[in-house]
Amino acid sequence: MKLFDDFEVVKFPEENMLFVTHNGYLYYFYKSGHKYWERYSNAGNDHITTENYQDVSAEELTVATQGVFPQKETDFLRLCDPSQLRGYHLLCLLKEDYVDYMSDYTTYHTARIFIAESDIPYKSYERLKILLDNAVANHTDNQQLINEIKALSFDIIGRDIYKEEIGIVDGHDSTSYFWIMPVRVIDYSNTNEIDNVAEMRSAEISIEENDVDQYLIPFLHKYYDDELEANKSRLEYHWVDDNGEEHSKYISGFEWWLTYNFFTFDSITAMLRDITDTIDALTNGRETEYTQKLKAKGVNDSETELIIDFYQRFIYRMEYMMKVGKERGYNLISFMGP
């Protein structure tokens, strides 16, 4: 049966299930025997041919959806246990349920950060709903509500997630971020090939490329070694000319786009010493080659504390990364751009 916005529901009688699709991709399913709705874990990625399944009547669907015929996707989200839902879906429900508050950009942004930073988003969502229900009942103004959300987030997450800082993301952020992690070369025939490099993803961090350019590039350029075997062996392409002769072109220099840039632990240690000295220079107003480069990139005095905080956190992460990397047999650190 056709629903809204290219959503459709079909029956899978062999398993006593209903499938809800969007443009032919599976999004939700209903286990009739257990009367249980679930958002498909790989929603939007697995295509099914709906014509191969039986149709579902409006009456049958209404029974399955607890008497409320679905008019929009959030109607299906509400049928699922909140623990199945991602932060984006939980925010969609909040926007729909608390229009007056969530239509305010600052309030919405505050709630979004709270949900996004939570280790267990649906638990934060449940606590946030209680707070919002009380706000509605007490006619709380937006600024007071924002303060209450921030206090709640600190209570649940245990840190100030609203503090301005230059971000360091745990793990892999696949947007415009550099990916930094311990690695070791398995096969030097081409170190530009992902299958030839072992990655310690459990220790990976991600830093936005603009922040890498602004605050780390002077250090990375200084300590990047083009003669390091791992860097020399990054094959860009290979070809055979008309005479049958083989040719290879290798990547040279620190490469920004989707390429391993290898550093030894010794070079990272030396880099961190320079960053530590830069922290001291920024703290005491002393000028160095690095503080000059920061100023050349438009960094002003008002950003000093922000930069020092970033450098201190970066040093801690890199020292930890080398310790756990060495313990597991890794001997290089890779910086790979987006």
Protein backbone atom coordinates (compact mmCIF):
# COMPACT_ATOMS: atom_id res chain seq x y z
CA MET A 1 0.00 0.00 0.00
CA LYS A 2 1.27 3.45 -0.94
CA LEU A 3 1.68 5.84 1.97
CA PHE A 4 3.22 9.33 2.13
CA ASP A 5 6.43 10.71 0.56
CA ASP A 6 7.22 7.52 -1.42
CA PHE A 7 6.78 5.34 1.68
CA GLU A 8 5.05 2.04 1.14
CA VAL A 9 4.03 -0.91 3.30
CA VAL A 10 3.94 -4.54 2.15
CA LYS A 11 3.36 -7.90 3.76
CA PHE A 12 5.85 -10.77 4.17
CA PRO A 13 3.38 -13.53 5.14
CA GLU A 14 5.97 -16.31 5.41
CA GLU A 15 7.49 -14.56 8.44
CA ASN A 16 4.27 -12.85 9.60
CA MET A 17 5.87 -9.43 9.11
CA LEU A 18 5.13 -6.05 7.56
CA PHE A 19 7.84 -4.11 5.73
CA VAL A 20 7.85 -0.32 5.44
CA THR A 21 9.98 0.99 2.60
CA HIS A 22 11.01 4.38 1.22
CA ASN A 23 11.78 4.46 -2.50
CA GLY A 24 12.07 0.68 -2.30
CA TYR A 25 14.59 0.65 0.56
CA LEU A 26 13.69 -1.06 3.83
CA TYR A 27 13.25 1.31 6.80
CA TYR A 28 10.88 -0.31 9.32
CA PHE A 29 9.37 -3.70 9.97
CA TYR A 30 6.60 -5.08 12.16
CA LYS A 31 6.58 -8.53 13.72
CA SER A 32 2.90 -9.34 13.78
CA GLY A 33 3.22 -12.26 16.18
CA HIS A 34 5.00 -10.14 18.78
CA LYS A 35 3.19 -6.87 17.93
CA TYR A 36 6.58 -5.21 17.80
CA TRP A 37 7.87 -2.40 15.55
CA GLU A 38 11.54 -1.91 14.81
CA ARG A 39 13.58 0.51 12.72
CA TYR A 40 15.76 -1.53 10.39
CA SER A 41 19.40 -1.33 11.49
CA ASN A 42 20.61 -0.79 7.92
CA ALA A 43 17.77 1.54 6.97
CA GLY A 44 18.07 3.13 3.55
CA ASN A 45 20.73 0.73 2.27
CA ASP A 46 18.96 -2.54 1.49
CA HIS A 47 16.59 -2.51 -1.48
CA ILE A 48 13.62 -4.83 -1.85
CA THR A 49 11.25 -5.24 -4.81
CA THR A 50 7.93 -4.36 -3.24
CA GLU A 51 6.00 -5.80 -6.20
CA ASN A 52 7.09 -9.26 -5.05
CA TYR A 53 5.25 -8.88 -1.73
CA GLN A 54 1.59 -8.88 -0.80
CA ASP A 55 -0.31 -5.65 -0.33
CA VAL A 56 -1.54 -4.49 3.08
CA SER A 57 -4.99 -3.02 3.71
CA ALA A 58 -5.56 0.25 5.56
CA GLU A 59 -7.46 -1.65 8.26
CA GLU A 60 -4.62 -4.11 8.75
CA LEU A 61 -2.03 -1.34 8.99
CA THR A 62 -4.17 0.67 11.41
CA VAL A 63 -4.39 -2.32 13.74
CA ALA A 64 -0.61 -2.77 13.56
CA THR A 65 -0.02 0.93 14.30
CA GLN A 66 -2.19 0.87 17.41
CA GLY A 67 -5.17 2.60 15.82
CA VAL A 68 -3.32 5.59 14.36
CA PHE A 69 -2.93 5.45 10.58
CA PRO A 70 0.57 6.81 9.80
CA GLN A 71 0.68 10.16 8.01
CA LYS A 72 4.42 10.89 8.32
CA GLU A 73 7.65 9.10 9.18
CA THR A 74 7.64 10.23 12.80
CA ASP A 75 4.48 8.15 13.26
CA PHE A 76 6.63 5.07 12.64
CA LEU A 77 9.44 6.40 14.84
CA ARG A 78 6.98 6.63 17.72
CA LEU A 79 6.10 2.96 17.32
CA CYS A 80 9.73 1.94 17.84
CA ASP A 81 11.50 1.70 21.17
CA PRO A 82 13.58 4.92 21.62
CA SER A 83 16.68 2.81 22.29
CA GLN A 84 16.65 1.80 18.58
CA LEU A 85 16.70 5.38 17.33
CA ARG A 86 19.61 7.62 16.44
CA GLY A 87 20.05 11.12 17.78
CA TYR A 88 18.64 12.68 14.61
CA HIS A 89 15.39 10.74 14.95
CA LEU A 90 15.05 11.64 18.63
CA LEU A 91 15.47 15.31 17.72
CA CYS A 92 12.79 14.97 15.05
CA LEU A 93 10.38 13.78 17.73
CA LEU A 94 11.34 16.65 20.03
CA LYS A 95 10.82 19.18 17.23
CA GLU A 96 7.38 17.80 16.57
CA ASP A 97 6.33 17.55 20.23
CA TYR A 98 7.70 20.88 21.46
CA VAL A 99 7.30 23.18 18.48
CA ASP A 100 7.37 26.45 20.45
CA TYR A 101 10.67 25.65 22.16
CA MET A 102 12.40 23.73 19.37
CA SER A 103 11.62 26.42 16.78
CA ASP A 104 14.05 28.66 18.68
CA TYR A 105 17.47 28.05 17.11
CA THR A 106 19.52 28.35 20.30
CA THR A 107 17.24 26.04 22.26
CA TYR A 108 17.26 23.47 19.47
CA HIS A 109 21.03 23.71 19.08
CA THR A 110 21.50 23.21 22.83
CA ALA A 111 19.29 20.11 22.77
CA ARG A 112 21.04 18.80 19.66
CA ILE A 113 24.49 19.00 21.26
CA PHE A 114 23.16 17.28 24.39
CA ILE A 115 21.75 14.35 22.39
CA ALA A 116 24.77 14.15 20.07
CA GLU A 117 27.30 14.06 22.91
CA SER A 118 25.40 11.53 25.03
CA ASP A 119 26.80 8.03 25.40
CA ILE A 120 23.25 6.63 25.56
CA PRO A 121 21.16 9.11 23.50
CA TYR A 122 17.73 7.70 24.26
CA LYS A 123 18.32 8.02 28.02
CA SER A 124 19.17 11.68 27.54
CA TYR A 125 16.10 12.02 25.31
CA GLU A 126 13.85 10.63 28.03
CA ARG A 127 15.29 13.02 30.63
CA LEU A 128 15.03 15.91 28.19
CA LYS A 129 11.34 15.16 27.56
CA ILE A 130 10.64 15.39 31.30
CA LEU A 131 12.44 18.73 31.42
CA LEU A 132 10.48 20.01 28.41
CA ASP A 133 7.15 18.82 29.81
CA ASN A 134 7.88 20.77 32.98
CA ALA A 135 8.88 23.80 30.90
CA VAL A 136 5.53 23.68 29.07
CA ALA A 137 3.59 23.32 32.33
CA ASN A 138 5.49 26.16 34.01
CA HIS A 139 5.70 28.45 30.94
CA THR A 140 9.50 28.54 31.26
CA ASP A 141 11.19 31.03 28.94
CA ASN A 142 13.76 29.87 26.41
CA GLN A 143 16.83 31.20 28.21
CA GLN A 144 15.87 29.49 31.45
CA LEU A 145 15.19 26.27 29.54
CA ILE A 146 18.61 26.49 27.86
CA ASN A 147 20.25 26.85 31.26
CA GLU A 148 18.32 23.83 32.55
CA ILE A 149 19.33 21.71 29.53
CA LYS A 150 22.98 22.63 30.08
CA ALA A 151 22.73 21.73 33.78
CA LEU A 152 21.04 18.42 32.91
CA SER A 153 23.69 17.61 30.30
CA PHE A 154 26.49 18.19 32.78
CA ASP A 155 24.73 15.92 35.28
CA ILE A 156 24.36 13.09 32.73
CA ILE A 157 27.53 13.46 30.65
CA GLY A 158 29.80 14.67 33.44
CA ARG A 159 31.57 17.45 31.57
CA ASP A 160 30.84 20.84 30.04
CA ILE A 161 29.91 19.95 26.46
CA TYR A 162 29.11 23.58 25.66
CA LYS A 163 32.57 24.91 26.38
CA GLU A 164 34.09 26.52 23.31
CA GLU A 165 36.98 24.42 22.11
CA ILE A 166 38.83 23.24 19.01
CA GLY A 167 37.46 19.77 18.52
CA ILE A 168 39.23 16.44 18.75
CA VAL A 169 36.87 13.61 17.88
CA ASP A 170 37.33 10.12 19.26
CA GLY A 171 37.34 7.60 16.44
CA HIS A 172 36.59 8.14 12.76
CA ASP A 173 34.65 11.14 11.46
CA SER A 174 34.08 10.63 7.75
CA THR A 175 33.38 14.26 6.87
CA SER A 176 36.03 16.99 6.46
CA TYR A 177 38.39 15.57 9.06
CA PHE A 178 41.98 14.34 9.22
CA TRP A 179 42.24 10.78 10.57
CA ILE A 180 45.15 10.19 12.92
CA MET A 181 46.13 6.77 14.25
CA PRO A 182 48.96 4.29 14.85
CA VAL A 183 49.83 2.20 11.79
CA ARG A 184 52.43 -0.27 10.60
CA VAL A 185 53.38 -1.14 7.04
CA ILE A 186 52.70 -4.74 6.04
CA ASP A 187 53.87 -4.48 2.43
CA TYR A 188 56.22 -1.74 1.20
CA SER A 189 55.47 -2.42 -2.48
CA ASN A 190 52.83 0.33 -2.24
CA THR A 191 52.13 2.11 1.02
CA ASN A 192 49.35 4.09 -0.66
CA GLU A 193 47.29 0.89 -0.71
CA ILE A 194 45.04 0.42 2.32
CA ASP A 195 45.48 -3.37 2.31
CA ASN A 196 49.24 -2.90 2.78
CA VAL A 197 48.91 -0.84 5.97
CA ALA A 198 47.62 -2.12 9.32
CA GLU A 199 45.57 0.52 11.15
CA MET A 200 44.94 0.70 14.89
CA ARG A 201 41.43 2.12 14.60
CA SER A 202 40.75 1.69 18.31
CA ALA A 203 43.16 4.57 19.03
CA GLU A 204 42.10 6.79 16.13
CA ILE A 205 41.20 10.46 16.53
CA SER A 206 39.80 12.92 13.98
CA ILE A 207 40.51 16.66 13.68
CA GLU A 208 38.71 19.00 11.31
CA GLU A 209 40.89 19.86 8.30
CA ASN A 210 40.62 23.62 8.86
CA ASP A 211 41.93 23.17 12.40
CA VAL A 212 44.79 21.00 11.12
CA ASP A 213 45.65 23.73 8.62
CA GLN A 214 45.37 26.50 11.20
CA TYR A 215 47.14 24.98 14.18
CA LEU A 216 49.12 21.86 13.20
CA ILE A 217 50.41 22.23 9.65
CA PRO A 218 53.63 24.12 10.59
CA PHE A 219 54.60 21.25 12.89
CA LEU A 220 53.55 18.55 10.44
CA HIS A 221 55.46 20.11 7.57
CA LYS A 222 58.60 20.48 9.68
CA TYR A 223 58.64 16.86 10.86
CA TYR A 224 57.34 15.14 7.73
CA ASP A 225 60.19 13.06 6.27
CA ASP A 226 59.93 12.46 2.53
CA GLU A 227 62.88 10.04 2.73
CA LEU A 228 61.14 7.76 5.24
CA GLU A 229 60.66 4.43 3.46
CA ALA A 230 56.93 4.36 4.20
CA ASN A 231 56.50 7.81 2.60
CA LYS A 232 58.78 7.06 -0.37
CA SER A 233 56.73 3.97 -1.23
CA ARG A 234 53.35 5.66 -1.76
CA LEU A 235 52.59 4.70 -5.35
CA GLU A 236 50.35 7.18 -7.19
CA TYR A 237 50.03 5.22 -10.43
CA HIS A 238 51.86 2.67 -12.59
CA TRP A 239 51.85 2.37 -16.38
CA VAL A 240 53.51 0.60 -19.30
CA ASP A 241 54.53 2.74 -22.28
CA ASP A 242 54.33 1.87 -25.99
CA ASN A 243 57.76 0.24 -25.83
CA GLY A 244 56.68 -2.08 -23.05
CA GLU A 245 58.69 -0.25 -20.40
CA GLU A 246 57.16 0.01 -16.95
CA HIS A 247 56.95 3.34 -15.13
CA SER A 248 55.82 4.29 -11.65
CA LYS A 249 54.98 7.67 -10.17
CA TYR A 250 55.18 8.07 -6.41
CA ILE A 251 53.55 10.66 -4.17
CA SER A 252 55.99 13.12 -2.62
CA GLY A 253 55.55 15.63 0.16
CA PHE A 254 52.81 15.94 2.77
CA GLU A 255 49.64 15.05 0.89
CA TRP A 256 46.29 16.56 1.91
CA TRP A 257 43.79 14.21 0.27
CA LEU A 258 43.11 10.60 1.30
CA THR A 259 46.75 9.59 1.54
CA TYR A 260 48.82 8.21 4.40
CA ASN A 261 51.38 10.70 5.71
CA PHE A 262 53.68 8.61 7.89
CA PHE A 263 55.59 9.83 10.93
CA THR A 264 57.91 7.86 13.19
CA PHE A 265 57.29 7.89 16.92
CA ASP A 266 60.57 9.80 17.34
CA SER A 267 59.42 12.54 14.97
CA ILE A 268 56.06 12.80 16.75
CA THR A 269 57.89 13.08 20.09
CA ALA A 270 60.04 15.90 18.70
CA MET A 271 56.92 17.58 17.31
CA LEU A 272 55.22 17.43 20.70
CA ARG A 273 58.28 19.07 22.29
CA ASP A 274 57.88 21.97 19.85
CA ILE A 275 54.16 22.20 20.63
CA THR A 276 54.92 22.23 24.35
CA ASP A 277 57.37 25.09 23.78
CA THR A 278 54.70 26.88 21.73
CA ILE A 279 52.29 26.59 24.66
CA ASP A 280 54.90 28.22 26.88
CA ALA A 281 55.51 30.94 24.29
CA LEU A 282 51.78 31.69 23.98
CA THR A 283 51.41 31.74 27.76
CA ASN A 284 54.30 34.14 28.33
CA GLY A 285 54.00 36.29 25.22
CA ARG A 286 57.25 34.98 23.76
CA GLU A 287 57.60 34.95 19.96
CA THR A 288 58.79 31.84 18.08
CA GLU A 289 58.66 30.61 14.52
CA TYR A 290 55.38 28.88 15.37
CA THR A 291 53.68 31.85 17.08
CA GLN A 292 54.66 33.93 14.04
CA LYS A 293 53.02 31.38 11.74
CA LEU A 294 49.89 31.39 13.89
CA LYS A 295 49.68 35.17 13.57
CA ALA A 296 50.27 34.90 9.83
CA LYS A 297 47.17 32.71 9.63
CA GLY A 298 45.09 35.38 11.36
CA VAL A 299 45.13 33.98 14.90
CA ASN A 300 44.75 36.79 17.44
CA ASP A 301 45.41 37.13 21.17
CA SER A 302 41.79 36.46 22.10
CA GLU A 303 42.21 32.88 20.86
CA THR A 304 45.27 32.09 22.95
CA GLU A 305 43.51 30.12 25.68
CA LEU A 306 41.53 28.15 23.09
CA ILE A 307 44.71 27.20 21.22
CA ILE A 308 46.62 26.27 24.38
CA ASP A 309 43.74 24.04 25.46
CA PHE A 310 43.73 22.35 22.04
CA TYR A 311 47.50 21.81 22.06
CA GLN A 312 47.38 20.32 25.56
CA ARG A 313 44.64 17.87 24.58
CA PHE A 314 46.43 17.03 21.33
CA ILE A 315 49.67 16.26 23.20
CA TYR A 316 47.83 13.98 25.61
CA ARG A 317 46.11 12.10 22.77
CA MET A 318 49.31 11.63 20.78
CA GLU A 319 51.32 10.44 23.77
CA TYR A 320 48.59 7.94 24.62
CA MET A 321 48.39 6.86 20.97
CA MET A 322 52.11 6.10 20.84
CA LYS A 323 52.01 4.18 24.13
CA VAL A 324 49.17 1.88 23.15
CA GLY A 325 50.46 1.66 19.58
CA LYS A 326 53.89 0.52 20.69
CA GLU A 327 52.31 -2.00 23.04
CA ARG A 328 50.48 -3.54 20.06
CA GLY A 329 53.46 -3.53 17.68
CA TYR A 330 52.67 -0.37 15.69
CA ASN A 331 55.63 1.88 14.91
CA LEU A 332 54.25 4.78 12.86
CA ILE A 333 51.57 7.45 13.13
CA SER A 334 49.54 8.33 10.06
CA PHE A 335 47.82 11.64 9.31
CA MET A 336 45.34 11.18 6.45
CA GLY A 337 43.27 14.05 5.08
CA PRO A 338 39.62 13.89 3.99
